[in-house]
Amino acid sequence: MTSVETTRMSSKGQIVIPEAIRNRLGLKTGDKFLVLGDKDFVILKTLSNPSMSEFNDLIKEARRRAKSAGLKRSDIANAIAESRGQY
């Protein structure tokens, strides 16, 4: 169910997310957001760390893609060193 509320921006650029929406989405102090603005809209997307299971799935997929692309561990180490200006 979509909630529609109104809010105002402070002189410091701060916007209060209405309590009903915070409660419905389970938002807490310190939560992080990705902010996207274009034309006349602003979108806030909550950011969260992946669970260990999701993280492991991401690592498996990255390894699978690296293998299919023919990358070796030394290629990755060289790329990191190069990007750090140590190559």
C-alpha atoms as a PDB file:
ATOM      1  CA  MET A   1       0.000   0.000   0.000  1.00  0.00           C
ATOM      2  CA  THR A   2       1.403   3.391  -1.002  1.00  0.00           C
ATOM      3  CA  SER A   3       1.307   6.242   1.507  1.00  0.00           C
ATOM      4  CA  VAL A   4       1.095   9.847   0.396  1.00  0.00           C
ATOM      5  CA  GLU A   5       2.183  12.554   2.825  1.00  0.00           C
ATOM      6  CA  THR A   6       3.537  16.073   2.541  1.00  0.00           C
ATOM      7  CA  THR A   7       6.624  17.565   4.144  1.00  0.00           C
ATOM      8  CA  ARG A   8       8.791  20.685   3.906  1.00  0.00           C
ATOM      9  CA  MET A   9      12.474  21.272   3.432  1.00  0.00           C
ATOM     10  CA  SER A  10      14.280  23.232   6.150  1.00  0.00           C
ATOM     11  CA  SER A  11      16.696  26.090   5.527  1.00  0.00           C
ATOM     12  CA  LYS A  12      19.479  23.494   5.949  1.00  0.00           C
ATOM     13  CA  GLY A  13      18.041  21.321   3.159  1.00  0.00           C
ATOM     14  CA  GLN A  14      16.710  18.725   5.584  1.00  0.00           C
ATOM     15  CA  ILE A  15      13.456  16.900   4.895  1.00  0.00           C
ATOM     16  CA  VAL A  16      11.465  14.997   7.500  1.00  0.00           C
ATOM     17  CA  ILE A  17      10.063  11.665   6.350  1.00  0.00           C
ATOM     18  CA  PRO A  18       6.581  11.554   7.911  1.00  0.00           C
ATOM     19  CA  GLU A  19       6.236   9.215  10.892  1.00  0.00           C
ATOM     20  CA  ALA A  20       3.586   7.005   9.260  1.00  0.00           C
ATOM     21  CA  ILE A  21       5.944   6.282   6.351  1.00  0.00           C
ATOM     22  CA  ARG A  22       8.979   5.757   8.640  1.00  0.00           C
ATOM     23  CA  ASN A  23       6.997   3.268  10.710  1.00  0.00           C
ATOM     24  CA  ARG A  24       5.575   1.417   7.702  1.00  0.00           C
ATOM     25  CA  LEU A  25       9.023   1.069   6.122  1.00  0.00           C
ATOM     26  CA  GLY A  26      10.802   0.327   9.405  1.00  0.00           C
ATOM     27  CA  LEU A  27      13.197   3.259   8.979  1.00  0.00           C
ATOM     28  CA  LYS A  28      15.528   4.034  11.872  1.00  0.00           C
ATOM     29  CA  THR A  29      17.891   6.822  12.851  1.00  0.00           C
ATOM     30  CA  GLY A  30      21.130   6.437  10.926  1.00  0.00           C
ATOM     31  CA  ASP A  31      19.629   4.569   7.957  1.00  0.00           C
ATOM     32  CA  LYS A  32      21.366   5.457   4.688  1.00  0.00           C
ATOM     33  CA  PHE A  33      19.723   6.441   1.424  1.00  0.00           C
ATOM     34  CA  LEU A  34      20.638   6.747  -2.212  1.00  0.00           C
ATOM     35  CA  VAL A  35      19.229  10.065  -3.480  1.00  0.00           C
ATOM     36  CA  LEU A  36      18.222  10.494  -7.119  1.00  0.00           C
ATOM     37  CA  GLY A  37      16.930  13.826  -8.379  1.00  0.00           C
ATOM     38  CA  ASP A  38      15.731  14.712 -11.874  1.00  0.00           C
ATOM     39  CA  LYS A  39      13.485  17.490 -13.178  1.00  0.00           C
ATOM     40  CA  ASP A  40      10.784  17.880 -10.522  1.00  0.00           C
ATOM     41  CA  PHE A  41      11.218  14.696  -8.478  1.00  0.00           C
ATOM     42  CA  VAL A  42      13.483  13.273  -5.788  1.00  0.00           C
ATOM     43  CA  ILE A  43      13.646   9.552  -5.038  1.00  0.00           C
ATOM     44  CA  LEU A  44      15.080   8.127  -1.828  1.00  0.00           C
ATOM     45  CA  LYS A  45      16.142   4.474  -1.881  1.00  0.00           C
ATOM     46  CA  THR A  46      17.148   2.830   1.373  1.00  0.00           C
ATOM     47  CA  LEU A  47      20.572   1.223   1.350  1.00  0.00           C
ATOM     48  CA  SER A  48      21.336  -1.896   3.307  1.00  0.00           C
ATOM     49  CA  ASN A  49      24.203  -4.324   3.525  1.00  0.00           C
ATOM     50  CA  PRO A  50      23.589  -7.703   1.930  1.00  0.00           C
ATOM     51  CA  SER A  51      23.139 -10.710   4.200  1.00  0.00           C
ATOM     52  CA  MET A  52      26.046 -13.174   4.326  1.00  0.00           C
ATOM     53  CA  SER A  53      24.065 -15.502   2.058  1.00  0.00           C
ATOM     54  CA  GLU A  54      23.494 -12.719  -0.491  1.00  0.00           C
ATOM     55  CA  PHE A  55      27.153 -11.683  -0.226  1.00  0.00           C
ATOM     56  CA  ASN A  56      28.315 -15.260  -0.845  1.00  0.00           C
ATOM     57  CA  ASP A  57      26.015 -15.472  -3.884  1.00  0.00           C
ATOM     58  CA  LEU A  58      27.518 -12.216  -5.229  1.00  0.00           C
ATOM     59  CA  ILE A  59      31.064 -13.565  -4.747  1.00  0.00           C
ATOM     60  CA  LYS A  60      30.182 -16.833  -6.509  1.00  0.00           C
ATOM     61  CA  GLU A  61      28.714 -14.922  -9.448  1.00  0.00           C
ATOM     62  CA  ALA A  62      31.763 -12.626  -9.655  1.00  0.00           C
ATOM     63  CA  ARG A  63      34.090 -15.641  -9.661  1.00  0.00           C
ATOM     64  CA  ARG A  64      32.008 -17.371 -12.335  1.00  0.00           C
ATOM     65  CA  ARG A  65      32.117 -14.296 -14.570  1.00  0.00           C
ATOM     66  CA  ALA A  66      35.840 -13.782 -14.007  1.00  0.00           C
ATOM     67  CA  LYS A  67      36.514 -17.399 -14.929  1.00  0.00           C
ATOM     68  CA  SER A  68      34.390 -17.204 -18.075  1.00  0.00           C
ATOM     69  CA  ALA A  69      36.256 -14.004 -19.056  1.00  0.00           C
ATOM     70  CA  GLY A  70      39.582 -15.795 -18.592  1.00  0.00           C
ATOM     71  CA  LEU A  71      40.760 -13.630 -15.681  1.00  0.00           C
ATOM     72  CA  LYS A  72      43.409 -14.934 -13.310  1.00  0.00           C
ATOM     73  CA  ARG A  73      44.158 -13.854  -9.738  1.00  0.00           C
ATOM     74  CA  SER A  74      47.323 -12.184 -10.991  1.00  0.00           C
ATOM     75  CA  ASP A  75      45.232 -10.066 -13.411  1.00  0.00           C
ATOM     76  CA  ILE A  76      43.158  -8.780 -10.500  1.00  0.00           C
ATOM     77  CA  ALA A  77      46.219  -8.101  -8.322  1.00  0.00           C
ATOM     78  CA  ASN A  78      47.843  -6.215 -11.225  1.00  0.00           C
ATOM     79  CA  ALA A  79      44.703  -4.148 -11.830  1.00  0.00           C
ATOM     80  CA  ILE A  80      44.517  -3.194  -8.142  1.00  0.00           C
ATOM     81  CA  ALA A  81      48.210  -2.269  -8.050  1.00  0.00           C
ATOM     82  CA  GLU A  82      47.837  -0.225 -11.244  1.00  0.00           C
ATOM     83  CA  SER A  83      44.823   1.675  -9.929  1.00  0.00           C
ATOM     84  CA  ARG A  84      46.777   2.475  -6.761  1.00  0.00           C
ATOM     85  CA  GLY A  85      49.690   3.723  -8.835  1.00  0.00           C
ATOM     86  CA  GLN A  86      51.977   0.908  -7.682  1.00  0.00           C
ATOM     87  CA  TYR A  87      52.457  -0.849 -10.980  1.00  0.00           C
END
